N, C-alpha and C. Protein backbone atom coordinates (compact mmCIF):
# COMPACT_ATOMS: atom_id res chain seq x y z
N MET A 1 0.71 -1.38 0.19
CA MET A 1 -0.06 0.15 -0.02
C MET A 1 1.14 0.84 -0.22
N LEU A 2 -0.11 2.13 -0.44
CA LEU A 2 1.10 3.02 -0.58
C LEU A 2 0.98 4.59 0.40
N ILE A 3 2.35 5.34 0.93
CA ILE A 3 1.68 6.11 2.15
C ILE A 3 0.61 6.69 2.18
N ALA A 4 -0.15 7.70 0.87
CA ALA A 4 -0.86 8.49 0.97
C ALA A 4 -2.19 7.03 1.58
N ASP A 5 -2.34 6.10 0.85
CA ASP A 5 -3.44 4.64 1.11
C ASP A 5 -3.36 4.76 2.09
N GLU A 6 -2.00 4.70 3.21
CA GLU A 6 -2.05 4.44 4.67
C GLU A 6 -2.52 6.01 5.81
N PHE A 7 -1.97 6.58 4.96
CA PHE A 7 -2.30 8.16 5.43
C PHE A 7 -3.80 8.44 5.38
N PHE A 8 -4.32 7.88 4.18
CA PHE A 8 -5.11 8.26 4.09
C PHE A 8 -6.93 7.08 5.06
N LEU A 9 -6.39 6.04 5.33
CA LEU A 9 -6.93 4.71 6.73
C LEU A 9 -7.03 5.32 7.97
N ILE A 10 -5.44 5.67 8.32
CA ILE A 10 -4.92 6.57 10.00
C ILE A 10 -6.04 7.82 9.75
N ALA A 11 -6.20 8.29 8.42
CA ALA A 11 -7.22 9.44 9.32
C ALA A 11 -7.86 9.64 9.02
N HIS A 12 -8.63 8.41 8.68
CA HIS A 12 -10.10 8.32 8.49
C HIS A 12 -11.26 6.94 9.90
N ASN A 13 -11.83 6.90 10.57
CA ASN A 13 -12.10 5.62 10.99
C ASN A 13 -12.01 4.89 10.76
N ASP A 14 -11.82 3.34 11.19
CA ASP A 14 -12.08 2.47 10.53
C ASP A 14 -13.72 1.64 10.96
N SER A 15 -13.98 2.39 10.95
CA SER A 15 -15.61 0.98 10.39
C SER A 15 -16.61 2.16 10.17
N ARG A 16 -16.71 3.32 9.73
CA ARG A 16 -17.67 4.33 9.09
C ARG A 16 -17.05 5.34 8.32
N GLY A 17 -15.35 5.41 8.41
CA GLY A 17 -14.66 5.56 7.67
C GLY A 17 -15.29 7.65 7.43
N LYS A 18 -14.87 8.59 8.81
CA LYS A 18 -15.27 9.71 8.98
C LYS A 18 -13.93 9.92 9.60
N ALA A 19 -14.02 10.86 8.68
CA ALA A 19 -12.73 12.06 8.98
C ALA A 19 -12.11 12.08 10.55
N ARG A 20 -11.01 12.14 10.98
CA ARG A 20 -10.38 11.59 12.15
C ARG A 20 -10.29 13.51 12.23
N LEU A 21 -9.94 14.17 11.66
CA LEU A 21 -9.59 15.78 11.26
C LEU A 21 -10.40 16.71 10.22
N HIS A 22 -9.84 17.67 10.42
CA HIS A 22 -10.91 18.35 9.79
C HIS A 22 -10.49 18.17 8.19
N PRO A 23 -11.91 18.05 7.22
CA PRO A 23 -11.00 17.89 5.97
C PRO A 23 -10.43 18.45 5.13
N SER A 24 -10.21 20.51 5.99
CA SER A 24 -8.53 20.53 4.98
C SER A 24 -7.40 19.83 5.54
N ALA A 25 -7.16 19.79 6.37
CA ALA A 25 -6.70 19.09 7.63
C ALA A 25 -6.43 17.74 6.98
N THR A 26 -6.84 16.90 6.82
CA THR A 26 -7.22 15.88 5.60
C THR A 26 -6.06 15.34 4.40
N GLY A 27 -7.36 16.73 3.83
CA GLY A 27 -6.37 17.27 2.47
C GLY A 27 -5.75 17.32 2.57
N LEU A 28 -4.93 18.44 3.05
CA LEU A 28 -2.82 18.66 3.19
C LEU A 28 -2.06 16.90 3.35
N GLY A 29 -2.86 16.80 4.92
CA GLY A 29 -1.50 15.20 4.68
C GLY A 29 -1.64 14.85 3.61
N LEU A 30 -2.91 14.72 3.01
CA LEU A 30 -3.10 14.04 2.29
C LEU A 30 -2.13 13.55 0.79
N ALA A 31 -1.57 15.55 -0.11
CA ALA A 31 -1.71 15.70 -0.47
C ALA A 31 -0.06 16.00 -0.44
N GLY A 32 0.19 16.70 1.08
CA GLY A 32 2.00 15.99 1.59
C GLY A 32 1.97 14.14 0.70
N ALA A 33 1.09 13.50 1.62
CA ALA A 33 1.77 11.97 1.16
C ALA A 33 1.83 11.45 -0.01
N LEU A 34 0.81 13.17 -0.36
CA LEU A 34 1.03 11.85 -3.13
C LEU A 34 2.44 12.33 -2.98
N LEU A 35 2.98 13.84 -2.53
CA LEU A 35 4.17 14.63 -2.82
C LEU A 35 5.51 13.81 -2.44
N GLY A 36 5.31 12.79 -1.07
CA GLY A 36 5.95 12.01 -0.79
C GLY A 36 6.31 11.12 -1.82
N GLU A 37 5.04 10.27 -2.35
CA GLU A 37 5.05 9.21 -3.31
C GLU A 37 5.80 9.31 -4.21
N LEU A 38 5.38 10.62 -4.56
CA LEU A 38 6.30 10.82 -5.99
C LEU A 38 8.33 11.29 -5.67
N VAL A 39 8.68 11.29 -4.82
CA VAL A 39 10.02 11.44 -3.79
C VAL A 39 10.55 9.91 -3.79
N LEU A 40 9.36 9.49 -2.88
CA LEU A 40 10.41 8.24 -3.37
C LEU A 40 10.20 7.25 -4.39
N PHE A 41 9.52 7.89 -5.58
CA PHE A 41 9.41 6.90 -6.77
C PHE A 41 10.78 7.78 -7.21
N GLY A 42 11.06 8.96 -7.38
CA GLY A 42 11.95 9.06 -7.56
C GLY A 42 12.51 10.55 -8.59
N GLN A 43 10.70 10.62 -8.28
CA GLN A 43 9.77 11.52 -9.90
C GLN A 43 10.89 12.36 -9.79
N ILE A 44 10.44 13.38 -8.24
CA ILE A 44 10.73 14.47 -7.53
C ILE A 44 11.66 14.01 -6.83
N THR A 45 12.26 15.65 -6.75
CA THR A 45 12.59 16.50 -5.93
C THR A 45 12.39 17.10 -4.65
N VAL A 46 12.14 17.70 -3.30
CA VAL A 46 11.83 18.07 -2.14
C VAL A 46 13.13 19.58 -2.40
N SER A 47 12.82 20.74 -1.85
CA SER A 47 14.19 21.47 -1.61
C SER A 47 14.22 22.25 -1.26
N GLY A 48 14.28 23.45 -0.46
CA GLY A 48 14.14 24.69 -0.19
C GLY A 48 12.87 25.51 -0.17
N GLY A 49 12.24 24.33 -0.36
CA GLY A 49 10.42 24.57 0.00
C GLY A 49 9.71 24.69 -1.36
N LEU A 50 10.67 24.25 -2.68
CA LEU A 50 11.00 23.90 -4.13
C LEU A 50 10.05 22.85 -4.46
N VAL A 51 9.07 22.30 -5.47
CA VAL A 51 9.12 20.99 -6.25
C VAL A 51 9.98 20.99 -7.01
N THR A 52 10.67 20.73 -7.34
CA THR A 52 11.38 20.36 -8.58
C THR A 52 11.57 18.22 -9.08
N VAL A 53 10.51 18.55 -10.91
CA VAL A 53 10.39 17.30 -11.30
C VAL A 53 11.63 17.06 -11.51
N VAL A 54 12.93 15.81 -11.31
CA VAL A 54 14.05 14.95 -11.59
C VAL A 54 13.84 13.57 -13.07
N ASP A 55 12.46 13.00 -13.20
CA ASP A 55 12.07 11.72 -13.64
C ASP A 55 10.83 12.51 -14.36
N ARG A 56 10.41 12.68 -15.88
CA ARG A 56 9.31 12.97 -16.80
C ARG A 56 8.89 10.93 -16.55
N ARG A 57 9.08 9.98 -16.55
CA ARG A 57 8.62 9.70 -17.07
C ARG A 57 7.44 8.65 -15.85
N PRO A 58 6.12 8.36 -16.47
CA PRO A 58 5.02 8.35 -16.05
C PRO A 58 5.24 7.32 -14.78
N PRO A 59 4.77 6.86 -13.33
CA PRO A 59 5.06 6.70 -12.83
C PRO A 59 3.41 5.05 -12.51
N ALA A 60 4.18 3.50 -12.91
CA ALA A 60 3.26 2.76 -12.44
C ALA A 60 1.28 2.67 -12.00
N ASP A 61 1.54 3.70 -11.02
CA ASP A 61 0.37 4.08 -10.33
C ASP A 61 -0.46 5.36 -10.92
N ALA A 62 -1.75 5.43 -11.59
CA ALA A 62 -2.74 6.29 -12.16
C ALA A 62 -2.24 7.50 -11.20
N LEU A 63 -2.66 7.48 -10.03
CA LEU A 63 -3.19 8.68 -9.33
C LEU A 63 -1.33 9.75 -8.96
N ALA A 64 -0.57 8.91 -9.30
CA ALA A 64 0.62 9.31 -9.12
C ALA A 64 1.33 9.62 -9.88
N HIS A 65 0.82 8.98 -11.51
CA HIS A 65 0.28 9.84 -12.56
C HIS A 65 0.36 10.92 -12.25
N THR A 66 -1.04 11.14 -12.34
CA THR A 66 -1.29 11.92 -12.56
C THR A 66 -1.25 13.43 -12.16
N VAL A 67 -0.68 13.26 -10.47
CA VAL A 67 0.11 14.60 -10.26
C VAL A 67 1.35 15.11 -10.91
N LEU A 68 2.15 13.63 -11.24
CA LEU A 68 3.22 13.87 -11.73
C LEU A 68 3.77 14.72 -12.66
N ASP A 69 1.91 14.64 -13.44
CA ASP A 69 1.50 15.02 -14.74
C ASP A 69 1.09 16.69 -14.47
N GLN A 70 0.08 17.03 -13.34
CA GLN A 70 -0.04 17.89 -13.30
C GLN A 70 1.71 18.78 -12.79
N LEU A 71 2.17 18.49 -12.16
CA LEU A 71 3.32 18.69 -11.82
C LEU A 71 4.27 19.36 -13.07
N ILE A 72 4.66 18.85 -13.84
CA ILE A 72 5.07 19.32 -15.14
C ILE A 72 4.53 20.24 -16.46
N GLY A 73 2.69 19.91 -16.04
CA GLY A 73 2.13 20.89 -16.63
C GLY A 73 2.29 21.85 -16.91
N GLU A 74 2.49 23.07 -15.30
CA GLU A 74 2.88 23.61 -14.40
C GLU A 74 3.62 24.14 -13.66
N SER A 75 5.02 23.92 -14.58
CA SER A 75 6.04 23.79 -13.64
C SER A 75 6.98 24.98 -13.61
N GLN A 76 5.93 26.45 -13.69
CA GLN A 76 6.82 27.41 -13.07
C GLN A 76 6.08 27.69 -11.95
N HIS A 77 5.41 26.93 -11.73
CA HIS A 77 4.26 26.90 -9.91
C HIS A 77 5.68 25.87 -8.43
N GLN A 78 6.03 26.57 -8.76
CA GLN A 78 7.95 24.90 -7.44
C GLN A 78 6.86 25.01 -6.49
N SER A 79 6.29 26.02 -5.77
CA SER A 79 6.43 25.95 -4.40
C SER A 79 5.95 25.08 -3.37
N VAL A 80 6.67 23.61 -3.16
CA VAL A 80 5.55 23.16 -2.29
C VAL A 80 4.45 23.63 -1.85
N ARG A 81 4.64 24.82 -0.50
CA ARG A 81 3.11 24.89 -0.30
C ARG A 81 1.79 25.43 -1.41
N THR A 82 2.71 26.22 -2.49
CA THR A 82 1.21 25.49 -3.63
C THR A 82 0.62 24.45 -4.12
N TRP A 83 2.13 23.51 -4.15
CA TRP A 83 1.05 21.88 -4.92
C TRP A 83 0.50 21.86 -3.61
N LEU A 84 0.63 21.57 -2.22
CA LEU A 84 -0.18 21.40 -1.00
C LEU A 84 -1.25 21.79 -1.42
N SER A 85 -1.32 23.15 -1.05
CA SER A 85 -2.72 23.50 -1.08
C SER A 85 -3.25 22.87 -2.58
N PHE A 86 -2.31 23.86 -3.75
CA PHE A 86 -3.51 23.19 -4.79
C PHE A 86 -3.73 21.31 -4.89
N LEU A 87 -3.26 20.51 -4.71
CA LEU A 87 -3.11 18.66 -3.91
C LEU A 87 -4.74 18.13 -3.25
N ALA A 88 -5.08 19.26 -2.19
CA ALA A 88 -5.36 18.81 -0.72
C ALA A 88 -6.79 19.16 -1.77
N GLN A 89 -6.57 20.17 -2.33
CA GLN A 89 -8.30 20.35 -2.51
C GLN A 89 -9.38 19.06 -3.16
N SER A 90 -8.63 18.12 -3.79
CA SER A 90 -8.85 16.88 -4.38
C SER A 90 -8.32 14.93 -4.15
N ALA A 91 -7.37 15.60 -2.52
CA ALA A 91 -5.96 14.55 -2.24
C ALA A 91 -7.79 13.64 -1.69
N THR A 92 -8.57 13.45 -1.03
CA THR A 92 -9.21 12.95 -0.25
C THR A 92 -10.27 12.15 -1.48
N THR A 93 -10.14 12.93 -2.33
CA THR A 93 -11.36 12.41 -3.33
C THR A 93 -10.53 10.81 -4.05
N SER A 94 -9.25 11.72 -4.53
CA SER A 94 -8.22 10.63 -5.73
C SER A 94 -7.52 9.45 -4.24
N VAL A 95 -7.37 10.02 -3.69
CA VAL A 95 -7.40 8.88 -2.36
C VAL A 95 -7.93 7.93 -3.09
N GLY A 96 -9.67 7.99 -2.02
CA GLY A 96 -10.41 7.40 -1.62
C GLY A 96 -11.01 6.89 -2.56
N GLU A 97 -10.98 6.75 -4.12
CA GLU A 97 -10.75 6.84 -5.00
C GLU A 97 -10.15 5.68 -5.58
N ARG A 98 -9.11 5.48 -6.09
CA ARG A 98 -8.03 4.94 -5.41
C ARG A 98 -7.81 3.23 -4.47
N LEU A 99 -8.20 3.44 -3.61
CA LEU A 99 -8.14 3.02 -2.80
C LEU A 99 -9.42 1.93 -3.00
N ALA A 100 -11.11 2.47 -2.72
CA ALA A 100 -12.25 1.72 -3.13
C ALA A 100 -12.20 0.84 -4.95
N ARG A 101 -10.60 1.61 -5.65
CA ARG A 101 -10.66 1.00 -6.53
C ARG A 101 -9.70 -0.41 -6.65
N ALA A 102 -9.09 -0.36 -5.82
CA ALA A 102 -8.86 -1.62 -5.20
C ALA A 102 -9.01 -2.75 -3.85
N GLY A 103 -10.21 -2.25 -3.91
CA GLY A 103 -11.50 -3.27 -2.76
C GLY A 103 -10.73 -3.05 -1.25
N VAL A 104 -10.45 -1.34 -0.91
CA VAL A 104 -9.76 -1.63 0.21
C VAL A 104 -11.28 -1.17 0.57
N LEU A 105 -12.03 0.61 -0.04
CA LEU A 105 -12.62 0.73 0.87
C LEU A 105 -14.18 0.98 -0.55
N ARG A 106 -15.34 1.10 -0.49
CA ARG A 106 -16.46 1.46 -0.66
C ARG A 106 -17.02 2.69 -0.56
N ARG A 107 -17.42 2.88 -1.59
CA ARG A 107 -17.66 4.40 -2.43
C ARG A 107 -19.18 4.35 -1.84
N GLN A 108 -19.33 5.53 -0.90
CA GLN A 108 -20.76 5.68 -0.31
C GLN A 108 -21.51 6.77 -0.31
N GLU A 109 -22.26 6.86 -1.33
CA GLU A 109 -22.98 8.62 -0.89
C GLU A 109 -24.21 8.54 -0.27
N SER A 110 -25.13 9.89 -0.11
CA SER A 110 -25.54 9.80 0.94
C SER A 110 -26.09 11.49 0.51
N ARG A 111 -27.21 11.33 0.86
CA ARG A 111 -28.52 12.71 0.14
C ARG A 111 -28.99 14.19 1.33
N ARG A 112 -28.32 14.99 1.50
CA ARG A 112 -29.59 15.84 2.94
C ARG A 112 -29.34 17.25 2.02
N LEU A 113 -30.37 17.60 2.13
CA LEU A 113 -30.80 18.67 1.71
C LEU A 113 -30.22 18.84 0.77
N LEU A 114 -30.72 18.25 -0.63
CA LEU A 114 -30.03 18.86 -1.55
C LEU A 114 -29.08 18.83 -2.09
N ARG A 115 -27.98 17.89 -0.82
CA ARG A 115 -26.55 18.33 -1.26
C ARG A 115 -26.45 16.71 -1.26
N THR A 116 -25.62 15.84 -1.90
CA THR A 116 -25.05 14.38 -1.85
C THR A 116 -23.12 14.96 -1.30
N SER A 117 -23.24 14.20 0.32
CA SER A 117 -21.79 13.25 0.83
C SER A 117 -20.95 12.54 -0.17
N VAL A 118 -20.02 12.13 -0.17
CA VAL A 118 -19.87 10.62 -0.44
C VAL A 118 -18.51 10.12 0.97
N SER A 119 -18.12 9.38 0.64
CA SER A 119 -17.34 8.56 2.27
C SER A 119 -17.27 7.54 1.58
N TYR A 120 -16.33 6.89 2.27
CA TYR A 120 -15.55 5.46 1.82
C TYR A 120 -15.66 4.49 3.16
N VAL A 121 -16.16 3.85 3.17
CA VAL A 121 -16.67 2.79 4.70
C VAL A 121 -15.47 1.78 4.01
N PRO A 122 -14.58 1.60 5.03
CA PRO A 122 -13.83 0.13 5.30
C PRO A 122 -14.40 -1.07 4.48
N ILE A 123 -14.36 -2.17 3.36
CA ILE A 123 -14.52 -3.36 3.69
C ILE A 123 -14.52 -4.39 4.35
N ASP A 124 -13.06 -4.51 4.38
CA ASP A 124 -12.54 -4.82 5.94
C ASP A 124 -11.86 -4.01 6.99
N LEU A 125 -11.99 -4.21 8.29
CA LEU A 125 -12.15 -3.92 9.07
C LEU A 125 -10.27 -3.29 9.75
N ASN A 126 -10.35 -4.76 9.41
CA ASN A 126 -9.00 -5.63 9.80
C ASN A 126 -7.94 -4.94 8.85
N VAL A 127 -8.22 -4.81 7.43
CA VAL A 127 -7.40 -4.05 6.10
C VAL A 127 -6.68 -2.61 6.63
N ALA A 128 -8.47 -1.74 6.98
CA ALA A 128 -8.36 -0.33 6.83
C ALA A 128 -7.77 0.29 8.70
N ALA A 129 -7.68 -1.05 9.46
CA ALA A 129 -6.66 -0.73 11.22
C ALA A 129 -4.73 -0.64 10.74
N TRP A 130 -4.90 -2.08 10.17
CA TRP A 130 -3.64 -2.39 9.54
C TRP A 130 -2.67 -1.36 9.20
N PRO A 131 -2.84 0.29 8.66
CA PRO A 131 -1.09 1.10 8.20
C PRO A 131 -0.94 1.84 10.29
N ALA A 132 -2.12 2.01 11.05
CA ALA A 132 -2.01 1.93 12.13
C ALA A 132 -1.63 1.24 13.17
N THR A 133 -1.87 -0.16 13.23
CA THR A 133 -1.70 -0.72 13.82
C THR A 133 0.41 -1.34 13.72
N ARG A 134 0.42 -1.39 12.45
CA ARG A 134 1.89 -1.85 11.82
C ARG A 134 3.04 -0.45 12.13
N LEU A 135 2.60 1.18 12.29
CA LEU A 135 3.83 1.40 12.98
C LEU A 135 2.98 1.72 13.63
N ARG A 136 2.85 1.44 14.60
CA ARG A 136 2.78 0.97 16.68
C ARG A 136 3.81 -0.08 16.36
N ALA A 137 3.87 -1.53 15.66
CA ALA A 137 4.81 -2.11 15.74
C ALA A 137 5.84 -1.93 15.59
N LEU A 138 5.74 -1.50 14.15
CA LEU A 138 7.65 -0.60 14.06
C LEU A 138 7.68 0.00 14.99
N LEU A 139 7.43 1.00 15.75
CA LEU A 139 8.14 2.00 16.67
C LEU A 139 8.79 1.52 17.93
N ASP A 140 7.79 -0.29 18.24
CA ASP A 140 8.29 -1.19 19.26
C ASP A 140 9.51 -1.91 19.45
N ARG A 141 10.26 -1.95 17.64
CA ARG A 141 11.22 -2.68 17.46
C ARG A 141 12.37 -2.31 17.47
N PRO A 142 13.79 -2.76 17.43
CA PRO A 142 14.72 -2.07 17.77
C PRO A 142 15.70 -1.42 16.24
N ASP A 143 14.70 -1.92 15.41
CA ASP A 143 15.29 -1.70 13.66
C ASP A 143 15.04 -0.53 13.75
N PRO A 144 15.88 0.46 12.56
CA PRO A 144 15.12 1.90 12.30
C PRO A 144 13.75 1.67 11.07
N PRO A 145 12.76 2.29 10.91
CA PRO A 145 11.68 1.61 9.57
C PRO A 145 12.89 2.52 8.53
N GLN A 146 12.36 1.85 7.45
CA GLN A 146 12.75 2.29 6.41
C GLN A 146 11.74 3.13 6.14
N VAL A 147 12.56 4.35 4.83
CA VAL A 147 12.84 5.57 4.55
C VAL A 147 10.37 5.98 4.45
N PRO A 148 9.50 5.16 3.50
CA PRO A 148 8.50 5.03 3.78
C PRO A 148 7.37 5.30 4.80
N ASP A 149 8.41 4.28 5.90
CA ASP A 149 7.64 4.12 6.76
C ASP A 149 7.65 5.04 7.70
N ALA A 150 9.25 6.09 7.91
CA ALA A 150 9.65 7.46 8.35
C ALA A 150 8.43 8.42 7.96
N ALA A 151 8.63 8.12 6.16
CA ALA A 151 8.20 9.73 6.07
C ALA A 151 6.76 9.56 6.60
N LEU A 152 5.40 8.20 6.62
CA LEU A 152 4.06 8.33 6.91
C LEU A 152 3.92 8.43 8.21
N LEU A 153 5.18 8.36 9.29
CA LEU A 153 5.78 9.00 10.60
C LEU A 153 5.99 10.17 10.85
N GLY A 154 6.72 10.75 9.62
CA GLY A 154 6.28 12.60 10.24
C GLY A 154 4.63 12.71 9.40
N LEU A 155 4.55 12.63 8.75
CA LEU A 155 2.94 13.24 7.87
C LEU A 155 2.29 12.56 9.03
N VAL A 156 1.57 11.40 9.77
CA VAL A 156 1.19 11.00 10.85
C VAL A 156 1.27 12.41 11.65
N SER A 157 2.46 12.58 12.63
CA SER A 157 2.90 13.68 13.64
C SER A 157 2.58 14.39 12.65
N ALA A 158 3.26 15.60 12.02
CA ALA A 158 2.55 16.82 11.49
C ALA A 158 0.72 16.81 10.98
N ALA A 159 0.67 15.86 11.34
CA ALA A 159 -1.37 16.05 11.06
C ALA A 159 -1.61 15.93 12.34
N GLY A 160 -1.14 15.41 13.83
CA GLY A 160 -1.76 14.81 14.53
C GLY A 160 -2.43 14.18 14.77
N LEU A 161 -1.96 12.71 13.84
CA LEU A 161 -2.37 11.85 14.36
C LEU A 161 -1.85 11.01 14.83
N THR A 162 -0.90 11.24 15.80
CA THR A 162 0.46 10.16 16.42
C THR A 162 -0.99 9.28 17.22
N ARG A 163 -1.67 10.36 18.27
CA ARG A 163 -2.67 8.83 19.22
C ARG A 163 -3.43 8.24 18.03
N GLU A 164 -4.03 7.78 17.92
CA GLU A 164 -3.81 6.98 16.43
C GLU A 164 -3.08 5.85 15.89
N VAL A 165 -2.36 6.10 15.93
CA VAL A 165 -1.23 5.19 15.94
C VAL A 165 -0.90 4.37 17.17
N LEU A 166 -0.44 5.75 18.50
CA LEU A 166 0.11 5.35 19.74
C LEU A 166 -0.55 4.79 20.54
N TRP A 167 -1.85 5.07 20.83
CA TRP A 167 -2.54 4.65 21.29
C TRP A 167 -3.11 3.48 22.65
N SER A 168 -2.20 2.54 22.12
CA SER A 168 -1.87 1.69 23.15
C SER A 168 -0.71 1.07 23.36
N ALA A 169 0.13 2.41 22.56
CA ALA A 169 2.12 2.07 22.73
C ALA A 169 2.44 2.02 23.78
N GLY A 170 3.00 1.52 24.57
CA GLY A 170 4.38 1.21 25.06
C GLY A 170 5.53 2.59 25.18
N PRO A 171 6.09 3.10 26.78
CA PRO A 171 6.71 4.06 26.60
C PRO A 171 7.96 4.16 25.24
N ARG A 172 8.67 3.10 24.86
CA ARG A 172 9.16 2.96 24.16
C ARG A 172 9.22 3.10 22.27
N ALA A 173 7.87 3.04 22.21
CA ALA A 173 7.30 3.33 21.01
C ALA A 173 7.00 4.54 21.04
N HIS A 174 6.40 5.62 21.71
CA HIS A 174 6.32 6.70 22.49
C HIS A 174 8.07 7.41 22.08
N HIS A 175 9.36 6.69 22.69
CA HIS A 175 10.56 7.82 22.46
C HIS A 175 11.06 7.37 21.19
N ARG A 176 11.11 6.26 20.89
CA ARG A 176 11.40 6.11 19.62
C ARG A 176 10.96 7.09 18.11
N LEU A 177 9.29 7.29 17.95
CA LEU A 177 8.86 8.59 17.89
C LEU A 177 9.34 9.89 17.76
N ALA A 178 9.57 10.14 19.31
CA ALA A 178 9.95 11.31 19.41
C ALA A 178 11.32 11.45 18.68
N VAL A 179 12.52 10.56 18.67
CA VAL A 179 13.43 10.95 18.67
C VAL A 179 13.54 10.63 17.36
N LEU A 180 12.88 9.96 16.24
CA LEU A 180 12.55 9.61 14.97
C LEU A 180 12.67 11.18 14.06
N ILE A 181 10.98 11.65 14.81
CA ILE A 181 10.51 13.21 13.92
C ILE A 181 11.71 14.25 13.72
N PRO A 182 12.48 13.98 14.18
CA PRO A 182 13.56 15.43 14.46
C PRO A 182 14.18 15.16 13.44
N ALA A 183 14.37 13.62 13.45
CA ALA A 183 16.05 12.86 12.48
C ALA A 183 15.55 12.74 11.08
N LEU A 184 14.10 13.16 10.89
CA LEU A 184 13.93 13.19 9.48
C LEU A 184 14.96 14.04 8.52
N PRO A 185 15.36 13.55 7.19
CA PRO A 185 15.59 14.12 6.72
C PRO A 185 15.22 16.03 6.57
N ALA A 186 15.71 16.74 6.07
CA ALA A 186 14.96 18.09 6.00
C ALA A 186 14.80 18.45 4.69
N GLY A 187 14.71 17.79 3.52
CA GLY A 187 13.43 17.59 2.90
C GLY A 187 12.16 16.60 3.31
N TRP A 188 11.69 15.99 3.51
CA TRP A 188 11.17 14.80 4.31
C TRP A 188 10.73 16.66 5.56
N VAL A 189 10.94 16.80 6.46
CA VAL A 189 10.34 17.59 7.17
C VAL A 189 9.45 18.80 6.44
N SER A 190 10.16 19.44 5.96
CA SER A 190 9.74 20.48 5.05
C SER A 190 8.55 20.70 4.20
N TRP A 191 8.20 19.56 3.23
CA TRP A 191 7.27 19.10 2.77
C TRP A 191 6.25 18.27 3.93
N ALA A 192 6.22 17.94 4.98
CA ALA A 192 5.45 17.15 5.84
C ALA A 192 4.67 18.37 6.57
N ARG A 193 5.46 19.97 6.85
CA ARG A 193 4.93 20.55 7.54
C ARG A 193 3.96 21.48 7.24
N SER A 194 5.12 21.59 6.20
CA SER A 194 3.98 22.92 4.77
C SER A 194 3.05 23.14 5.01
């Protein structure tokens, strides 16, 4: 599962699909995760608050391909803040749809007072709860987390979702997270906290 998918599942209730954060915070966290996926794929770099495309070849994932095409098509805009704001507008829907296509979530529409709202409900509660459980287990191990997991932990921390990951963790996991976040490379910290 990609980091935006895992962030989505952590940021939403694992039984009803309701967001744990304000919609704008959820969107910004997912936007950061989408940029993070492109960093991990080696398609972009983020440094000094600027996004730079370094590989124009399309990634295998359709959503990552769409985001990369947007970055290439609007190359005059390089500010990470600009891209986070732009991507945040549609990130929840985009990642929710990607998870629905993968069979992890079910798209659910409800109508209220002439408005239709869309939510994404987990198909399997164990799959929905797995990202937070997996991160909690990683923090209890002595080995350092892999780069994607460290990036996801940075996003979770920046979004204020650490309680969702550490709710049943012991002091070791809390300490490891407190040490890990400041140790993230500057490029990761800048886009996670922007």
